PDB file of N, CA and C in Angstrom:
ATOM      1  N   MET A   1       0.915  -1.007  -0.248  1.00  0.00           N
ATOM      2  CA  MET A   1       0.167  -0.157   0.070  1.00  0.00           C
ATOM      3  C   MET A   1       0.868   1.218  -0.017  1.00  0.00           C
ATOM      4  N   SER A   2       0.515   2.188  -0.752  1.00  0.00           N
ATOM      5  CA  SER A   2       1.393   3.332  -0.895  1.00  0.00           C
ATOM      6  C   SER A   2       0.947   4.378   0.520  1.00  0.00           C
ATOM      7  N   ASN A   3       1.822   5.033   0.367  1.00  0.00           N
ATOM      8  CA  ASN A   3       2.087   6.324   1.722  1.00  0.00           C
ATOM      9  C   ASN A   3       0.752   7.080   1.694  1.00  0.00           C
ATOM     10  N   ARG A   4       0.311   7.363   0.408  1.00  0.00           N
ATOM     11  CA  ARG A   4      -1.028   8.167   0.675  1.00  0.00           C
ATOM     12  C   ARG A   4      -2.336   7.134   1.205  1.00  0.00           C
ATOM     13  N   HIS A   5      -2.162   5.928   0.632  1.00  0.00           N
ATOM     14  CA  HIS A   5      -3.215   4.922   1.073  1.00  0.00           C
ATOM     15  C   HIS A   5      -3.272   4.686   2.440  1.00  0.00           C
ATOM     16  N   GLU A   6      -1.854   4.589   2.866  1.00  0.00           N
ATOM     17  CA  GLU A   6      -1.806   4.524   4.363  1.00  0.00           C
ATOM     18  C   GLU A   6      -2.348   5.782   5.312  1.00  0.00           C
ATOM     19  N   ARG A   7      -1.887   6.945   4.814  1.00  0.00           N
ATOM     20  CA  ARG A   7      -2.570   8.055   5.458  1.00  0.00           C
ATOM     21  C   ARG A   7      -3.977   8.302   5.391  1.00  0.00           C
ATOM     22  N   VAL A   8      -4.641   8.094   4.283  1.00  0.00           N
ATOM     23  CA  VAL A   8      -6.104   8.192   3.969  1.00  0.00           C
ATOM     24  C   VAL A   8      -6.865   7.149   4.865  1.00  0.00           C
ATOM     25  N   ALA A   9      -6.270   5.955   5.061  1.00  0.00           N
ATOM     26  CA  ALA A   9      -6.892   4.729   5.944  1.00  0.00           C
ATOM     27  C   ALA A   9      -6.813   5.023   7.221  1.00  0.00           C
ATOM     28  N   GLU A  10      -5.837   5.656   7.639  1.00  0.00           N
ATOM     29  CA  GLU A  10      -5.550   5.902   9.122  1.00  0.00           C
ATOM     30  C   GLU A  10      -6.443   7.268   9.460  1.00  0.00           C
ATOM     31  N   GLU A  11      -6.724   8.171   8.625  1.00  0.00           N
ATOM     32  CA  GLU A  11      -7.753   9.186   8.821  1.00  0.00           C
ATOM     33  C   GLU A  11      -9.010   8.980   8.619  1.00  0.00           C
ATOM     34  N   ILE A  12      -9.320   7.761   7.832  1.00  0.00           N
ATOM     35  CA  ILE A  12     -10.637   7.380   7.799  1.00  0.00           C
ATOM     36  C   ILE A  12     -10.990   6.568   9.253  1.00  0.00           C
ATOM     37  N   LYS A  13      -9.895   5.769   9.674  1.00  0.00           N
ATOM     38  CA  LYS A  13     -10.048   4.979  10.870  1.00  0.00           C
ATOM     39  C   LYS A  13     -10.493   5.978  12.167  1.00  0.00           C
ATOM     40  N   LYS A  14      -9.661   7.255  12.261  1.00  0.00           N
ATOM     41  CA  LYS A  14     -10.010   8.396  13.259  1.00  0.00           C
ATOM     42  C   LYS A  14     -11.570   9.018  13.067  1.00  0.00           C
ATOM     43  N   VAL A  15     -11.724   9.036  11.740  1.00  0.00           N
ATOM     44  CA  VAL A  15     -13.070   9.672  11.522  1.00  0.00           C
ATOM     45  C   VAL A  15     -14.296   8.796  11.901  1.00  0.00           C
ATOM     46  N   VAL A  16     -14.096   7.608  11.560  1.00  0.00           N
ATOM     47  CA  VAL A  16     -15.354   6.649  11.772  1.00  0.00           C
ATOM     48  C   VAL A  16     -15.255   6.539  13.091  1.00  0.00           C
ATOM     49  N   SER A  17     -14.069   6.048  13.813  1.00  0.00           N
ATOM     50  CA  SER A  17     -14.151   5.937  15.481  1.00  0.00           C
ATOM     51  C   SER A  17     -14.846   7.102  16.072  1.00  0.00           C
ATOM     52  N   GLU A  18     -14.512   8.177  15.661  1.00  0.00           N
ATOM     53  CA  GLU A  18     -15.183   9.377  16.484  1.00  0.00           C
ATOM     54  C   GLU A  18     -16.619   9.610  16.052  1.00  0.00           C
ATOM     55  N   ALA A  19     -17.039   9.335  14.738  1.00  0.00           N
ATOM     56  CA  ALA A  19     -18.514   9.015  14.412  1.00  0.00           C
ATOM     57  C   ALA A  19     -19.162   8.336  14.977  1.00  0.00           C
ATOM     58  N   LEU A  20     -18.587   6.952  15.190  1.00  0.00           N
ATOM     59  CA  LEU A  20     -19.509   5.863  15.834  1.00  0.00           C
ATOM     60  C   LEU A  20     -19.515   6.314  17.271  1.00  0.00           C
ATOM     61  N   ARG A  21     -18.646   6.959  18.103  1.00  0.00           N
ATOM     62  CA  ARG A  21     -18.622   7.312  19.242  1.00  0.00           C
ATOM     63  C   ARG A  21     -19.469   8.626  19.557  1.00  0.00           C
ATOM     64  N   THR A  22     -19.611   9.609  18.836  1.00  0.00           N
ATOM     65  CA  THR A  22     -20.394  10.994  19.070  1.00  0.00           C
ATOM     66  C   THR A  22     -21.630  11.081  18.302  1.00  0.00           C
ATOM     67  N   LYS A  23     -21.751  10.574  16.912  1.00  0.00           N
ATOM     68  CA  LYS A  23     -22.743  10.743  15.948  1.00  0.00           C
ATOM     69  C   LYS A  23     -23.949   9.757  16.210  1.00  0.00           C
ATOM     70  N   VAL A  24     -23.196   8.660  16.334  1.00  0.00           N
ATOM     71  CA  VAL A  24     -24.349   7.385  16.201  1.00  0.00           C
ATOM     72  C   VAL A  24     -24.768   7.096  17.669  1.00  0.00           C
ATOM     73  N   SER A  25     -26.237   6.933  17.641  1.00  0.00           N
ATOM     74  CA  SER A  25     -26.678   6.622  18.978  1.00  0.00           C
ATOM     75  C   SER A  25     -27.541   5.434  18.916  1.00  0.00           C
ATOM     76  N   ASP A  26     -27.139   4.485  18.019  1.00  0.00           N
ATOM     77  CA  ASP A  26     -27.979   3.099  18.026  1.00  0.00           C
ATOM     78  C   ASP A  26     -27.316   2.082  19.184  1.00  0.00           C
ATOM     79  N   PRO A  27     -28.473   1.779  19.994  1.00  0.00           N
ATOM     80  CA  PRO A  27     -28.057   0.887  21.263  1.00  0.00           C
ATOM     81  C   PRO A  27     -27.603  -0.476  20.825  1.00  0.00           C
ATOM     82  N   ASP A  28     -28.065  -0.795  19.587  1.00  0.00           N
ATOM     83  CA  ASP A  28     -27.466  -2.206  19.234  1.00  0.00           C
ATOM     84  C   ASP A  28     -26.116  -2.113  18.913  1.00  0.00           C
ATOM     85  N   ILE A  29     -25.361  -1.093  18.504  1.00  0.00           N
ATOM     86  CA  ILE A  29     -23.752  -0.949  18.334  1.00  0.00           C
ATOM     87  C   ILE A  29     -23.107  -0.942  19.671  1.00  0.00           C
ATOM     88  N   GLY A  30     -23.482  -0.468  20.555  1.00  0.00           N
ATOM     89  CA  GLY A  30     -22.826  -0.309  21.765  1.00  0.00           C
ATOM     90  C   GLY A  30     -21.392   0.161  21.707  1.00  0.00           C
ATOM     91  N   MET A  31     -20.455  -0.491  22.309  1.00  0.00           N
ATOM     92  CA  MET A  31     -19.149   0.026  22.325  1.00  0.00           C
ATOM     93  C   MET A  31     -18.468  -0.642  21.310  1.00  0.00           C
ATOM     94  N   VAL A  32     -18.046  -0.117  20.084  1.00  0.00           N
ATOM     95  CA  VAL A  32     -17.135  -0.407  19.036  1.00  0.00           C
ATOM     96  C   VAL A  32     -15.829   0.164  19.259  1.00  0.00           C
ATOM     97  N   THR A  33     -14.827  -0.624  18.672  1.00  0.00           N
ATOM     98  CA  THR A  33     -13.607  -0.158  18.391  1.00  0.00           C
ATOM     99  C   THR A  33     -13.219  -0.582  17.100  1.00  0.00           C
ATOM    100  N   VAL A  34     -12.746   0.367  16.435  1.00  0.00           N
ATOM    101  CA  VAL A  34     -12.189   0.427  14.945  1.00  0.00           C
ATOM    102  C   VAL A  34     -10.621  -0.079  15.216  1.00  0.00           C
ATOM    103  N   THR A  35     -10.616  -1.211  14.731  1.00  0.00           N
ATOM    104  CA  THR A  35      -9.085  -1.728  14.632  1.00  0.00           C
ATOM    105  C   THR A  35      -8.342  -1.515  13.526  1.00  0.00           C
ATOM    106  N   ASP A  36      -9.046  -1.414  12.465  1.00  0.00           N
ATOM    107  CA  ASP A  36      -8.070  -1.290  11.132  1.00  0.00           C
ATOM    108  C   ASP A  36      -9.010  -0.956  10.026  1.00  0.00           C
ATOM    109  N   VAL A  37      -8.475  -0.127   8.897  1.00  0.00           N
ATOM    110  CA  VAL A  37      -9.262   0.091   7.687  1.00  0.00           C
ATOM    111  C   VAL A  37      -8.266  -0.294   6.578  1.00  0.00           C
ATOM    112  N   GLU A  38      -8.752  -0.924   5.549  1.00  0.00           N
ATOM    113  CA  GLU A  38      -8.125  -1.292   4.580  1.00  0.00           C
ATOM    114  C   GLU A  38      -9.001  -0.650   3.254  1.00  0.00           C
ATOM    115  N   LEU A  39      -7.980  -0.148   2.473  1.00  0.00           N
ATOM    116  CA  LEU A  39      -8.526   0.589   1.178  1.00  0.00           C
ATOM    117  C   LEU A  39      -8.233  -0.151  -0.227  1.00  0.00           C
ATOM    118  N   THR A  40      -9.408  -0.106  -0.965  1.00  0.00           N
ATOM    119  CA  THR A  40      -9.071  -0.724  -2.244  1.00  0.00           C
ATOM    120  C   THR A  40      -8.036   0.197  -2.871  1.00  0.00           C
ATOM    121  N   LYS A  41      -7.503  -0.411  -3.864  1.00  0.00           N
ATOM    122  CA  LYS A  41      -6.469   0.530  -4.848  1.00  0.00           C
ATOM    123  C   LYS A  41      -6.986   1.688  -5.289  1.00  0.00           C
ATOM    124  N   GLU A  42      -8.040   1.835  -5.843  1.00  0.00           N
ATOM    125  CA  GLU A  42      -8.590   3.105  -6.321  1.00  0.00           C
ATOM    126  C   GLU A  42      -9.386   3.831  -5.125  1.00  0.00           C
ATOM    127  N   MET A  43      -9.196   3.349  -3.990  1.00  0.00           N
ATOM    128  CA  MET A  43      -9.800   4.050  -2.813  1.00  0.00           C
ATOM    129  C   MET A  43     -11.456   3.953  -2.921  1.00  0.00           C
ATOM    130  N   GLU A  44     -12.099   3.313  -3.431  1.00  0.00           N
ATOM    131  CA  GLU A  44     -13.557   3.161  -3.758  1.00  0.00           C
ATOM    132  C   GLU A  44     -14.084   2.700  -2.379  1.00  0.00           C
ATOM    133  N   ILE A  45     -13.443   1.437  -1.956  1.00  0.00           N
ATOM    134  CA  ILE A  45     -14.304   0.989  -0.847  1.00  0.00           C
ATOM    135  C   ILE A  45     -13.279   0.874   0.457  1.00  0.00           C
ATOM    136  N   ALA A  46     -13.678   1.285   1.356  1.00  0.00           N
ATOM    137  CA  ALA A  46     -12.838   0.870   2.645  1.00  0.00           C
ATOM    138  C   ALA A  46     -13.554   0.085   3.632  1.00  0.00           C
ATOM    139  N   THR A  47     -12.770  -1.020   3.931  1.00  0.00           N
ATOM    140  CA  THR A  47     -13.280  -2.216   4.693  1.00  0.00           C
ATOM    141  C   THR A  47     -12.782  -1.681   6.125  1.00  0.00           C
ATOM    142  N   ILE A  48     -13.807  -1.491   7.044  1.00  0.00           N
ATOM    143  CA  ILE A  48     -13.422  -0.952   8.429  1.00  0.00           C
ATOM    144  C   ILE A  48     -13.839  -2.329   9.306  1.00  0.00           C
ATOM    145  N   TYR A  49     -12.429  -2.666   9.833  1.00  0.00           N
ATOM    146  CA  TYR A  49     -12.509  -3.788  10.723  1.00  0.00           C
ATOM    147  C   TYR A  49     -12.670  -3.147  12.238  1.00  0.00           C
ATOM    148  N   TYR A  50     -13.693  -3.966  13.069  1.00  0.00           N
ATOM    149  CA  TYR A  50     -14.076  -3.620  14.456  1.00  0.00           C
ATOM    150  C   TYR A  50     -14.040  -4.494  15.415  1.00  0.00           C
ATOM    151  N   THR A  51     -14.075  -4.418  16.609  1.00  0.00           N
ATOM    152  CA  THR A  51     -14.358  -5.401  17.696  1.00  0.00           C
ATOM    153  C   THR A  51     -15.548  -4.433  18.267  1.00  0.00           C
ATOM    154  N   SER A  52     -16.226  -5.496  19.420  1.00  0.00           N
ATOM    155  CA  SER A  52     -17.249  -4.914  20.175  1.00  0.00           C
ATOM    156  C   SER A  52     -17.331  -5.615  21.614  1.00  0.00           C
ATOM    157  N   LEU A  53     -17.816  -4.880  22.555  1.00  0.00           N
ATOM    158  CA  LEU A  53     -18.057  -5.632  23.841  1.00  0.00           C
ATOM    159  C   LEU A  53     -19.526  -6.190  23.518  1.00  0.00           C
ATOM    160  N   ASN A  54     -20.349  -5.921  22.705  1.00  0.00           N
ATOM    161  CA  ASN A  54     -21.517  -6.779  22.568  1.00  0.00           C
ATOM    162  C   ASN A  54     -21.330  -8.112  22.133  1.00  0.00           C
ATOM    163  N   ASP A  55     -21.949  -8.957  22.754  1.00  0.00           N
ATOM    164  CA  ASP A  55     -21.578 -10.644  22.594  1.00  0.00           C
ATOM    165  C   ASP A  55     -22.547 -10.831  20.996  1.00  0.00           C
ATOM    166  N   ASN A  56     -23.457 -10.095  20.937  1.00  0.00           N
ATOM    167  CA  ASN A  56     -24.497 -10.380  19.586  1.00  0.00           C
ATOM    168  C   ASN A  56     -23.894  -9.488  18.294  1.00  0.00           C
ATOM    169  N   ARG A  57     -23.065 -10.458  17.608  1.00  0.00           N
ATOM    170  CA  ARG A  57     -22.678  -9.828  16.277  1.00  0.00           C
ATOM    171  C   ARG A  57     -23.568  -9.287  15.373  1.00  0.00           C
ATOM    172  N   GLU A  58     -24.660 -10.111  15.261  1.00  0.00           N
ATOM    173  CA  GLU A  58     -25.661  -9.653  14.371  1.00  0.00           C
ATOM    174  C   GLU A  58     -26.049  -8.364  14.494  1.00  0.00           C
ATOM    175  N   GLU A  59     -26.617  -8.135  15.942  1.00  0.00           N
ATOM    176  CA  GLU A  59     -27.177  -6.983  16.095  1.00  0.00           C
ATOM    177  C   GLU A  59     -26.174  -5.690  15.879  1.00  0.00           C
ATOM    178  N   VAL A  60     -25.026  -5.912  16.148  1.00  0.00           N
ATOM    179  CA  VAL A  60     -23.821  -4.879  16.003  1.00  0.00           C
ATOM    180  C   VAL A  60     -23.738  -4.842  14.521  1.00  0.00           C
ATOM    181  N   GLU A  61     -23.730  -5.792  13.775  1.00  0.00           N
ATOM    182  CA  GLU A  61     -23.398  -5.405  12.153  1.00  0.00           C
ATOM    183  C   GLU A  61     -24.789  -4.865  11.621  1.00  0.00           C
ATOM    184  N   ALA A  62     -26.011  -5.264  12.068  1.00  0.00           N
ATOM    185  CA  ALA A  62     -27.299  -4.484  11.678  1.00  0.00           C
ATOM    186  C   ALA A  62     -27.086  -2.977  12.013  1.00  0.00           C
ATOM    187  N   GLY A  63     -26.856  -2.736  13.067  1.00  0.00           N
ATOM    188  CA  GLY A  63     -26.755  -1.240  13.538  1.00  0.00           C
ATOM    189  C   GLY A  63     -25.745  -0.576  12.788  1.00  0.00           C
ATOM    190  N   LEU A  64     -24.516  -1.162  12.630  1.00  0.00           N
ATOM    191  CA  LEU A  64     -23.508  -0.610  11.932  1.00  0.00           C
ATOM    192  C   LEU A  64     -24.014  -0.108  10.186  1.00  0.00           C
ATOM    193  N   ASP A  65     -24.689  -1.249   9.756  1.00  0.00           N
ATOM    194  CA  ASP A  65     -25.268  -1.047   8.353  1.00  0.00           C
ATOM    195  C   ASP A  65     -26.233   0.124   8.434  1.00  0.00           C
ATOM    196  N   ARG A  66     -26.831   0.376   9.551  1.00  0.00           N
ATOM    197  CA  ARG A  66     -27.985   1.167   9.470  1.00  0.00           C
ATOM    198  C   ARG A  66     -27.308   2.625   9.494  1.00  0.00           C
ATOM    199  N   ALA A  67     -25.972   2.499  10.181  1.00  0.00           N
ATOM    200  CA  ALA A  67     -25.275   3.930  10.462  1.00  0.00           C
ATOM    201  C   ALA A  67     -24.316   4.210   9.370  1.00  0.00           C
ATOM    202  N   LYS A  68     -24.227   3.283   8.332  1.00  0.00           N
ATOM    203  CA  LYS A  68     -23.171   3.466   7.301  1.00  0.00           C
ATOM    204  C   LYS A  68     -23.363   4.885   6.366  1.00  0.00           C
ATOM    205  N   GLY A  69     -24.429   5.120   6.484  1.00  0.00           N
ATOM    206  CA  GLY A  69     -24.733   6.486   5.478  1.00  0.00           C
ATOM    207  C   GLY A  69     -24.117   7.649   6.491  1.00  0.00           C
ATOM    208  N   LEU A  70     -24.635   7.587   7.428  1.00  0.00           N
ATOM    209  CA  LEU A  70     -24.190   8.813   8.446  1.00  0.00           C
ATOM    210  C   LEU A  70     -22.749   8.932   8.666  1.00  0.00           C
ATOM    211  N   VAL A  71     -22.084   7.744   8.566  1.00  0.00           N
ATOM    212  CA  VAL A  71     -20.638   7.475   9.020  1.00  0.00           C
ATOM    213  C   VAL A  71     -20.021   8.063   7.647  1.00  0.00           C
ATOM    214  N   ARG A  72     -20.263   7.611   6.511  1.00  0.00           N
ATOM    215  CA  ARG A  72     -19.741   7.819   5.325  1.00  0.00           C
ATOM    216  C   ARG A  72     -19.970   9.441   4.855  1.00  0.00           C
ATOM    217  N   SER A  73     -21.010   9.905   5.453  1.00  0.00           N
ATOM    218  CA  SER A  73     -21.010  11.441   5.116  1.00  0.00           C
ATOM    219  C   SER A  73     -20.071  12.201   6.132  1.00  0.00           C
ATOM    220  N   GLU A  74     -19.852  11.522   7.127  1.00  0.00           N
ATOM    221  CA  GLU A  74     -18.643  12.375   8.229  1.00  0.00           C
ATOM    222  C   GLU A  74     -17.673  11.926   7.605  1.00  0.00           C
ATOM    223  N   VAL A  75     -17.097  11.045   6.837  1.00  0.00           N
ATOM    224  CA  VAL A  75     -15.906  10.838   6.192  1.00  0.00           C
ATOM    225  C   VAL A  75     -15.910  11.790   5.321  1.00  0.00           C
ATOM    226  N   ALA A  76     -16.810  12.021   4.247  1.00  0.00           N
ATOM    227  CA  ALA A  76     -16.699  12.794   3.369  1.00  0.00           C
ATOM    228  C   ALA A  76     -16.732  14.256   3.738  1.00  0.00           C
ATOM    229  N   LYS A  77     -17.193  14.649   4.687  1.00  0.00           N
ATOM    230  CA  LYS A  77     -16.955  16.082   5.230  1.00  0.00           C
ATOM    231  C   LYS A  77     -15.745  16.092   6.014  1.00  0.00           C
ATOM    232  N   GLU A  78     -15.028  15.316   6.699  1.00  0.00           N
ATOM    233  CA  GLU A  78     -13.868  15.464   7.368  1.00  0.00           C
ATOM    234  C   GLU A  78     -12.445  15.142   6.547  1.00  0.00           C
ATOM    235  N   ILE A  79     -12.516  14.548   5.369  1.00  0.00           N
ATOM    236  CA  ILE A  79     -11.257  14.135   4.774  1.00  0.00           C
ATOM    237  C   ILE A  79     -11.212  14.447   3.247  1.00  0.00           C
ATOM    238  N   ARG A  80     -10.610  15.176   2.916  1.00  0.00           N
ATOM    239  CA  ARG A  80     -10.181  15.791   1.485  1.00  0.00           C
ATOM    240  C   ARG A  80     -10.105  14.855   0.400  1.00  0.00           C
ATOM    241  N   ILE A  81     -10.750  14.199  -0.140  1.00  0.00           N
ATOM    242  CA  ILE A  81     -10.532  13.169  -1.114  1.00  0.00           C
ATOM    243  C   ILE A  81     -11.515  13.391  -2.278  1.00  0.00           C
ATOM    244  N   ARG A  82     -11.357  13.102  -3.309  1.00  0.00           N
ATOM    245  CA  ARG A  82     -12.465  13.447  -4.499  1.00  0.00           C
ATOM    246  C   ARG A  82     -13.667  12.712  -4.179  1.00  0.00           C
ATOM    247  N   LYS A  83     -14.001  11.585  -3.771  1.00  0.00           N
ATOM    248  CA  LYS A  83     -15.113  10.850  -3.490  1.00  0.00           C
ATOM    249  C   LYS A  83     -15.118   9.883  -2.418  1.00  0.00           C
ATOM    250  N   ALA A  84     -15.848  10.087  -1.607  1.00  0.00           N
ATOM    251  CA  ALA A  84     -15.822   9.371  -0.088  1.00  0.00           C
ATOM    252  C   ALA A  84     -15.969   7.778  -0.566  1.00  0.00           C
ATOM    253  N   PRO A  85     -15.268   6.915   0.106  1.00  0.00           N
ATOM    254  CA  PRO A  85     -15.554   5.596  -0.310  1.00  0.00           C
ATOM    255  C   PRO A  85     -16.714   4.845   0.274  1.00  0.00           C
ATOM    256  N   GLU A  86     -17.204   3.863  -0.378  1.00  0.00           N
ATOM    257  CA  GLU A  86     -18.118   2.949   0.361  1.00  0.00           C
ATOM    258  C   GLU A  86     -17.699   2.131   1.507  1.00  0.00           C
ATOM    259  N   LEU A  87     -18.345   2.143   2.396  1.00  0.00           N
ATOM    260  CA  LEU A  87     -17.782   1.507   3.788  1.00  0.00           C
ATOM    261  C   LEU A  87     -18.371   0.150   3.911  1.00  0.00           C
ATOM    262  N   GLN A  88     -17.460  -0.867   4.207  1.00  0.00           N
ATOM    263  CA  GLN A  88     -17.806  -1.891   4.698  1.00  0.00           C
ATOM    264  C   GLN A  88     -17.422  -2.425   6.010  1.00  0.00           C
ATOM    265  N   PHE A  89     -18.262  -2.858   6.683  1.00  0.00           N
ATOM    266  CA  PHE A  89     -17.763  -3.293   8.124  1.00  0.00           C
ATOM    267  C   PHE A  89     -17.370  -4.680   8.476  1.00  0.00           C
ATOM    268  N   LYS A  90     -16.384  -5.140   8.953  1.00  0.00           N
ATOM    269  CA  LYS A  90     -16.038  -6.596   9.089  1.00  0.00           C
ATOM    270  C   LYS A  90     -15.659  -6.575  10.502  1.00  0.00           C
ATOM    271  N   TYR A  91     -16.369  -7.825  11.065  1.00  0.00           N
ATOM    272  CA  TYR A  91     -15.663  -8.005  12.618  1.00  0.00           C
ATOM    273  C   TYR A  91     -14.462  -8.456  12.269  1.00  0.00           C
ATOM    274  N   ASP A  92     -13.460  -8.000  13.476  1.00  0.00           N
ATOM    275  CA  ASP A  92     -12.047  -8.400  13.190  1.00  0.00           C
ATOM    276  C   ASP A  92     -11.865  -9.617  14.375  1.00  0.00           C
ATOM    277  N   THR A  93     -11.521 -10.613  13.465  1.00  0.00           N
ATOM    278  CA  THR A  93     -11.381 -11.837  14.400  1.00  0.00           C
ATOM    279  C   THR A  93      -9.886 -12.287  14.952  1.00  0.00           C
ATOM    280  N   SER A  94      -8.976 -11.479  14.533  1.00  0.00           N
ATOM    281  CA  SER A  94      -7.673 -11.332  14.915  1.00  0.00           C
ATOM    282  C   SER A  94      -7.419 -11.700  16.473  1.00  0.00           C
ATOM    283  N   ILE A  95      -8.042 -10.781  17.139  1.00  0.00           N
ATOM    284  CA  ILE A  95      -8.026 -10.806  18.829  1.00  0.00           C
ATOM    285  C   ILE A  95      -8.394 -12.157  19.320  1.00  0.00           C
ATOM    286  N   GLU A  96      -9.363 -12.738  18.707  1.00  0.00           N
ATOM    287  CA  GLU A  96      -9.870 -14.128  19.299  1.00  0.00           C
ATOM    288  C   GLU A  96      -8.990 -15.151  18.694  1.00  0.00           C
ATOM    289  N   TYR A  97      -8.319 -15.111  17.592  1.00  0.00           N
ATOM    290  CA  TYR A  97      -7.373 -15.802  17.084  1.00  0.00           C
ATOM    291  C   TYR A  97      -6.157 -15.784  17.867  1.00  0.00           C
ATOM    292  N   GLY A  98      -5.623 -14.636  18.169  1.00  0.00           N
ATOM    293  CA  GLY A  98      -4.719 -14.625  19.041  1.00  0.00           C
ATOM    294  C   GLY A  98      -4.759 -15.050  20.531  1.00  0.00           C
ATOM    295  N   HIS A  99      -5.746 -14.999  21.114  1.00  0.00           N
ATOM    296  CA  HIS A  99      -6.281 -15.785  22.217  1.00  0.00           C
ATOM    297  C   HIS A  99      -5.987 -17.166  22.256  1.00  0.00           C
ATOM    298  N   LYS A 100      -6.760 -17.700  21.095  1.00  0.00           N
ATOM    299  CA  LYS A 100      -6.618 -18.999  20.637  1.00  0.00           C
ATOM    300  C   LYS A 100      -5.180 -19.562  20.632  1.00  0.00           C
ATOM    301  N   ILE A 101      -4.423 -19.222  20.076  1.00  0.00           N
ATOM    302  CA  ILE A 101      -3.074 -19.304  19.745  1.00  0.00           C
ATOM    303  C   ILE A 101      -2.263 -19.498  21.287  1.00  0.00           C
ATOM    304  N   GLU A 102      -2.738 -18.216  21.925  1.00  0.00           N
ATOM    305  CA  GLU A 102      -1.864 -18.344  23.191  1.00  0.00           C
ATOM    306  C   GLU A 102      -2.356 -19.409  24.107  1.00  0.00           C
ATOM    307  N   ASN A 103      -3.706 -19.790  24.012  1.00  0.00           N
ATOM    308  CA  ASN A 103      -4.119 -20.819  25.061  1.00  0.00           C
ATOM    309  C   ASN A 103      -3.490 -22.136  24.500  1.00  0.00           C
ATOM    310  N   LEU A 104      -3.210 -22.223  23.087  1.00  0.00           N
ATOM    311  CA  LEU A 104      -2.560 -23.688  22.690  1.00  0.00           C
ATOM    312  C   LEU A 104      -1.312 -23.740  23.056  1.00  0.00           C
ATOM    313  N   LEU A 105      -0.646 -22.585  23.080  1.00  0.00           N
ATOM    314  CA  LEU A 105       1.066 -22.608  23.566  1.00  0.00           C
ATOM    315  C   LEU A 105       0.901 -22.671  24.966  1.00  0.00           C
ATOM    316  N   ASN A 106       0.021 -22.171  25.709  1.00  0.00           N
ATOM    317  CA  ASN A 106       0.092 -22.452  27.093  1.00  0.00           C
ATOM    318  C   ASN A 106      -0.096 -23.892  27.565  1.00  0.00           C
ATOM    319  N   GLU A 107      -1.095 -24.508  26.790  1.00  0.00           N
ATOM    320  CA  GLU A 107      -1.152 -25.963  26.765  1.00  0.00           C
ATOM    321  C   GLU A 107      -0.158 -26.935  26.553  1.00  0.00           C
ATOM    322  N   ILE A 108       0.564 -26.632  25.500  1.00  0.00           N
ATOM    323  CA  ILE A 108       1.873 -27.232  25.099  1.00  0.00           C
ATOM    324  C   ILE A 108       2.812 -27.113  26.267  1.00  0.00           C
ATOM    325  N   LYS A 109       3.131 -25.740  26.632  1.00  0.00           N
ATOM    326  CA  LYS A 109       4.056 -25.642  27.764  1.00  0.00           C
ATOM    327  C   LYS A 109       3.836 -26.130  28.949  1.00  0.00           C
ATOM    328  N   ASP A 110       2.370 -26.394  29.289  1.00  0.00           N
ATOM    329  CA  ASP A 110       2.030 -27.263  30.591  1.00  0.00           C
ATOM    330  C   ASP A 110       2.445 -28.652  30.615  1.00  0.00           C
ATOM    331  N   LYS A 111       2.628 -29.162  29.479  1.00  0.00           N
ATOM    332  CA  LYS A 111       2.753 -30.657  29.210  1.00  0.00           C
ATOM    333  C   LYS A 111       4.004 -30.895  29.231  1.00  0.00           C
TER     334      LYS A 111
END
């Protein structure tokens, strides 16, 4: 990824995090943390990776889908790029995966 892509992705991450914290008041979303943003080469689609304290992923995902337009408009307002990218929200499973690996390593160590 180019330096420009990285800077834009980091800015999108900041704006989305702030918008979810202050502008979106959907109780289904609850406490969401944006962990990463990936942009397509043409910067047309931004994939927003998130984690949530809410155990019901379907509710959180539905809430984020409902808030997608508002969040995208915040991105368009705050970041100076030609066209605001379409937003896709994906649950970040890397933390769960890391815990699983850590538990397996601990089991091996104990044996």
